[in-house]
Amino acid sequence: MLSAYTRQYPPCTQADSNHRRCHCPKRINGTLPTGKFVRIPAKTRSWESAERKARIMEVNADPLRRRSSYLPVETLPRSEKQRLLH
C-alpha cells in the first residue's frame, strides 16, 4: 500500500509529515502489490495529487489486474487515427 507524506522545508512551521495543508513537496512511500518497496517524489505540492498518483501506481503495478489488448484512439499516431476513423 502506497501513501503520501510531506517533506518539510525550513520556511514551513509544521513538524508533522502527514500535514496535508502546507505547500511543502509531497512524496510517495510504501510497497507496491508486487512486493517492491518505493520511496519517490510525487513531483507535486498538492496532497490530493500525490494520493492520486499513489493510487494510479498501485493499480498499474497490480499483477492480477486484467490488461486490455487494445489501444485507445487517443494514444494512436495521427495517421493511424485518421485511417481508423474514416
N, C-alpha and C. Protein backbone atom coordinates (compact mmCIF):
# COMPACT_ATOMS: atom_id res chain seq x y z
N MET A 1 0.85 -1.17 0.00
CA MET A 1 0.00 0.00 0.00
C MET A 1 0.89 1.23 0.00
N LEU A 2 0.61 2.13 -0.91
CA LEU A 2 1.37 3.37 -1.00
C LEU A 2 0.64 4.48 -0.28
N SER A 3 1.40 5.42 0.26
CA SER A 3 0.81 6.57 0.91
C SER A 3 1.66 7.80 0.64
N ALA A 4 1.05 8.95 0.77
CA ALA A 4 1.74 10.21 0.57
C ALA A 4 2.21 10.75 1.91
N TYR A 5 3.31 11.47 1.87
CA TYR A 5 3.75 12.18 3.07
C TYR A 5 4.43 13.47 2.62
N THR A 6 4.62 14.38 3.55
CA THR A 6 5.17 15.70 3.25
C THR A 6 6.63 15.76 3.65
N ARG A 7 7.44 16.27 2.76
CA ARG A 7 8.85 16.51 3.06
C ARG A 7 8.96 17.98 3.45
N GLN A 8 9.03 18.25 4.75
CA GLN A 8 9.02 19.62 5.26
C GLN A 8 10.32 20.35 4.93
N TYR A 9 10.20 21.64 4.63
CA TYR A 9 11.34 22.50 4.36
C TYR A 9 11.35 23.66 5.34
N PRO A 10 12.51 24.28 5.58
CA PRO A 10 12.68 25.28 6.64
C PRO A 10 11.64 26.39 6.74
N PRO A 11 11.13 26.99 5.67
CA PRO A 11 10.16 28.06 5.91
C PRO A 11 8.84 27.56 6.51
N CYS A 12 8.58 26.27 6.40
CA CYS A 12 7.33 25.70 6.92
C CYS A 12 7.45 25.50 8.43
N THR A 13 6.39 25.83 9.14
CA THR A 13 6.40 25.71 10.60
C THR A 13 5.84 24.38 11.07
N GLN A 14 5.32 23.57 10.18
CA GLN A 14 4.74 22.28 10.55
C GLN A 14 5.84 21.25 10.79
N ALA A 15 5.65 20.38 11.74
CA ALA A 15 6.62 19.33 12.02
C ALA A 15 6.10 17.95 11.62
N ASP A 16 4.81 17.85 11.41
CA ASP A 16 4.18 16.57 11.11
C ASP A 16 4.31 16.24 9.62
N SER A 17 4.83 15.06 9.30
CA SER A 17 4.99 14.67 7.89
C SER A 17 3.66 14.30 7.25
N ASN A 18 2.60 14.16 8.04
CA ASN A 18 1.28 13.87 7.50
C ASN A 18 0.39 15.11 7.41
N HIS A 19 0.99 16.29 7.61
CA HIS A 19 0.23 17.53 7.49
C HIS A 19 -0.09 17.77 6.02
N ARG A 20 -1.36 17.88 5.69
CA ARG A 20 -1.80 17.95 4.30
C ARG A 20 -1.86 19.35 3.73
N ARG A 21 -2.00 20.35 4.54
CA ARG A 21 -2.34 21.67 4.03
C ARG A 21 -1.15 22.58 3.74
N CYS A 22 0.06 22.19 4.12
CA CYS A 22 1.20 23.06 3.82
C CYS A 22 1.61 22.90 2.36
N HIS A 23 2.43 23.78 1.87
CA HIS A 23 2.83 23.78 0.46
C HIS A 23 4.22 23.19 0.25
N CYS A 24 4.65 22.34 1.17
CA CYS A 24 5.92 21.65 1.01
C CYS A 24 5.75 20.50 0.02
N PRO A 25 6.84 20.06 -0.62
CA PRO A 25 6.75 18.96 -1.60
C PRO A 25 6.25 17.67 -0.95
N LYS A 26 5.48 16.93 -1.72
CA LYS A 26 4.93 15.66 -1.25
C LYS A 26 5.72 14.51 -1.87
N ARG A 27 5.76 13.39 -1.15
CA ARG A 27 6.47 12.19 -1.60
C ARG A 27 5.56 10.98 -1.44
N ILE A 28 5.89 9.90 -2.14
CA ILE A 28 5.13 8.66 -2.08
C ILE A 28 6.02 7.58 -1.52
N ASN A 29 5.47 6.79 -0.59
CA ASN A 29 6.25 5.81 0.14
C ASN A 29 5.37 4.59 0.39
N GLY A 30 5.95 3.40 0.23
CA GLY A 30 5.21 2.20 0.56
C GLY A 30 5.59 1.02 -0.30
N THR A 31 4.76 -0.01 -0.27
CA THR A 31 5.02 -1.23 -1.00
C THR A 31 3.97 -1.43 -2.09
N LEU A 32 4.43 -1.71 -3.30
CA LEU A 32 3.52 -1.99 -4.41
C LEU A 32 2.93 -3.39 -4.26
N PRO A 33 1.84 -3.69 -4.98
CA PRO A 33 1.26 -5.04 -4.91
C PRO A 33 2.24 -6.15 -5.32
N THR A 34 3.28 -5.81 -6.06
CA THR A 34 4.28 -6.79 -6.46
C THR A 34 5.27 -7.10 -5.34
N GLY A 35 5.24 -6.31 -4.26
CA GLY A 35 6.15 -6.50 -3.15
C GLY A 35 7.35 -5.56 -3.18
N LYS A 36 7.47 -4.75 -4.22
CA LYS A 36 8.59 -3.83 -4.35
C LYS A 36 8.35 -2.59 -3.48
N PHE A 37 9.36 -2.20 -2.71
CA PHE A 37 9.28 -1.00 -1.88
C PHE A 37 9.67 0.21 -2.70
N VAL A 38 8.89 1.29 -2.61
CA VAL A 38 9.21 2.53 -3.33
C VAL A 38 9.17 3.71 -2.38
N ARG A 39 10.05 4.65 -2.64
CA ARG A 39 10.05 5.94 -1.95
C ARG A 39 10.50 6.96 -3.00
N ILE A 40 9.53 7.67 -3.56
CA ILE A 40 9.82 8.57 -4.67
C ILE A 40 9.14 9.92 -4.45
N PRO A 41 9.65 10.98 -5.11
CA PRO A 41 8.95 12.26 -5.04
C PRO A 41 7.67 12.20 -5.87
N ALA A 42 6.62 12.84 -5.38
CA ALA A 42 5.36 12.87 -6.12
C ALA A 42 5.38 13.98 -7.17
N LYS A 43 6.37 14.85 -7.11
CA LYS A 43 6.52 15.97 -8.04
C LYS A 43 5.31 16.89 -8.01
N THR A 44 4.76 17.07 -6.82
CA THR A 44 3.64 17.99 -6.62
C THR A 44 3.68 18.51 -5.19
N ARG A 45 2.99 19.58 -4.97
CA ARG A 45 2.85 20.13 -3.62
C ARG A 45 1.42 19.98 -3.12
N SER A 46 0.61 19.28 -3.88
CA SER A 46 -0.78 19.03 -3.52
C SER A 46 -0.93 17.61 -2.95
N TRP A 47 -1.53 17.51 -1.79
CA TRP A 47 -1.73 16.21 -1.15
C TRP A 47 -2.64 15.33 -2.01
N GLU A 48 -3.70 15.92 -2.55
CA GLU A 48 -4.65 15.16 -3.35
C GLU A 48 -3.99 14.59 -4.60
N SER A 49 -3.15 15.38 -5.25
CA SER A 49 -2.45 14.90 -6.45
C SER A 49 -1.48 13.77 -6.10
N ALA A 50 -0.80 13.90 -4.98
CA ALA A 50 0.13 12.85 -4.55
C ALA A 50 -0.62 11.55 -4.25
N GLU A 51 -1.76 11.64 -3.58
CA GLU A 51 -2.57 10.45 -3.30
C GLU A 51 -3.08 9.82 -4.59
N ARG A 52 -3.50 10.66 -5.54
CA ARG A 52 -3.99 10.16 -6.82
C ARG A 52 -2.88 9.41 -7.56
N LYS A 53 -1.67 9.97 -7.55
CA LYS A 53 -0.54 9.30 -8.20
C LYS A 53 -0.23 7.97 -7.52
N ALA A 54 -0.33 7.93 -6.21
CA ALA A 54 -0.08 6.68 -5.47
C ALA A 54 -1.10 5.62 -5.86
N ARG A 55 -2.39 5.99 -5.95
CA ARG A 55 -3.41 5.02 -6.34
C ARG A 55 -3.18 4.52 -7.76
N ILE A 56 -2.80 5.40 -8.68
CA ILE A 56 -2.53 5.01 -10.06
C ILE A 56 -1.35 4.05 -10.13
N MET A 57 -0.30 4.33 -9.35
CA MET A 57 0.86 3.45 -9.32
C MET A 57 0.48 2.06 -8.81
N GLU A 58 -0.37 2.01 -7.78
CA GLU A 58 -0.81 0.72 -7.25
C GLU A 58 -1.61 -0.08 -8.28
N VAL A 59 -2.52 0.59 -8.96
CA VAL A 59 -3.34 -0.09 -9.96
C VAL A 59 -2.47 -0.59 -11.11
N ASN A 60 -1.54 0.23 -11.58
CA ASN A 60 -0.69 -0.17 -12.70
C ASN A 60 0.28 -1.30 -12.34
N ALA A 61 0.64 -1.41 -11.07
CA ALA A 61 1.59 -2.45 -10.65
C ALA A 61 0.89 -3.74 -10.22
N ASP A 62 -0.42 -3.76 -10.17
CA ASP A 62 -1.15 -4.93 -9.70
C ASP A 62 -1.02 -6.09 -10.70
N PRO A 63 -0.40 -7.20 -10.30
CA PRO A 63 -0.21 -8.31 -11.24
C PRO A 63 -1.51 -9.03 -11.59
N LEU A 64 -2.55 -8.87 -10.81
CA LEU A 64 -3.82 -9.54 -11.09
C LEU A 64 -4.76 -8.70 -11.94
N ARG A 65 -4.38 -7.45 -12.17
CA ARG A 65 -5.22 -6.57 -12.98
C ARG A 65 -5.23 -7.04 -14.42
N ARG A 66 -6.39 -7.07 -15.00
CA ARG A 66 -6.53 -7.51 -16.39
C ARG A 66 -6.08 -6.39 -17.31
N ARG A 67 -5.18 -6.71 -18.20
CA ARG A 67 -4.67 -5.73 -19.16
C ARG A 67 -5.54 -5.74 -20.40
N SER A 68 -5.85 -4.56 -20.93
CA SER A 68 -6.64 -4.51 -22.15
C SER A 68 -5.71 -4.71 -23.34
N SER A 69 -6.21 -5.34 -24.38
CA SER A 69 -5.37 -5.68 -25.53
C SER A 69 -5.47 -4.66 -26.65
N TYR A 70 -6.18 -3.58 -26.44
CA TYR A 70 -6.31 -2.57 -27.48
C TYR A 70 -5.81 -1.22 -26.96
N LEU A 71 -5.44 -0.36 -27.90
CA LEU A 71 -5.03 0.99 -27.54
C LEU A 71 -6.19 1.94 -27.75
N PRO A 72 -6.46 2.84 -26.81
CA PRO A 72 -7.49 3.84 -27.05
C PRO A 72 -7.10 4.70 -28.25
N VAL A 73 -8.07 5.24 -28.94
CA VAL A 73 -7.81 6.04 -30.14
C VAL A 73 -6.90 7.22 -29.83
N GLU A 74 -6.99 7.78 -28.63
CA GLU A 74 -6.19 8.95 -28.28
C GLU A 74 -4.69 8.66 -28.26
N THR A 75 -4.30 7.41 -28.08
CA THR A 75 -2.88 7.07 -27.99
C THR A 75 -2.27 6.66 -29.33
N LEU A 76 -3.09 6.54 -30.36
CA LEU A 76 -2.58 6.14 -31.67
C LEU A 76 -1.96 7.33 -32.39
N PRO A 77 -0.99 7.08 -33.28
CA PRO A 77 -0.45 8.17 -34.10
C PRO A 77 -1.55 8.78 -34.96
N ARG A 78 -1.36 10.02 -35.35
CA ARG A 78 -2.38 10.76 -36.10
C ARG A 78 -2.78 10.04 -37.39
N SER A 79 -1.82 9.52 -38.16
CA SER A 79 -2.14 8.86 -39.42
C SER A 79 -2.99 7.61 -39.18
N GLU A 80 -2.66 6.85 -38.16
CA GLU A 80 -3.42 5.65 -37.84
C GLU A 80 -4.83 6.01 -37.35
N LYS A 81 -4.94 7.07 -36.58
CA LYS A 81 -6.23 7.51 -36.08
C LYS A 81 -7.13 7.93 -37.23
N GLN A 82 -6.57 8.67 -38.19
CA GLN A 82 -7.37 9.11 -39.34
C GLN A 82 -7.80 7.91 -40.18
N ARG A 83 -6.94 6.92 -40.33
CA ARG A 83 -7.28 5.74 -41.10
C ARG A 83 -8.44 4.97 -40.45
N LEU A 84 -8.45 4.88 -39.13
CA LEU A 84 -9.49 4.16 -38.43
C LEU A 84 -10.82 4.90 -38.41
N LEU A 85 -10.77 6.20 -38.34
CA LEU A 85 -11.99 7.00 -38.22
C LEU A 85 -12.65 7.30 -39.55
N HIS A 86 -11.95 7.13 -40.66
CA HIS A 86 -12.54 7.45 -41.98
C HIS A 86 -12.69 6.25 -42.84
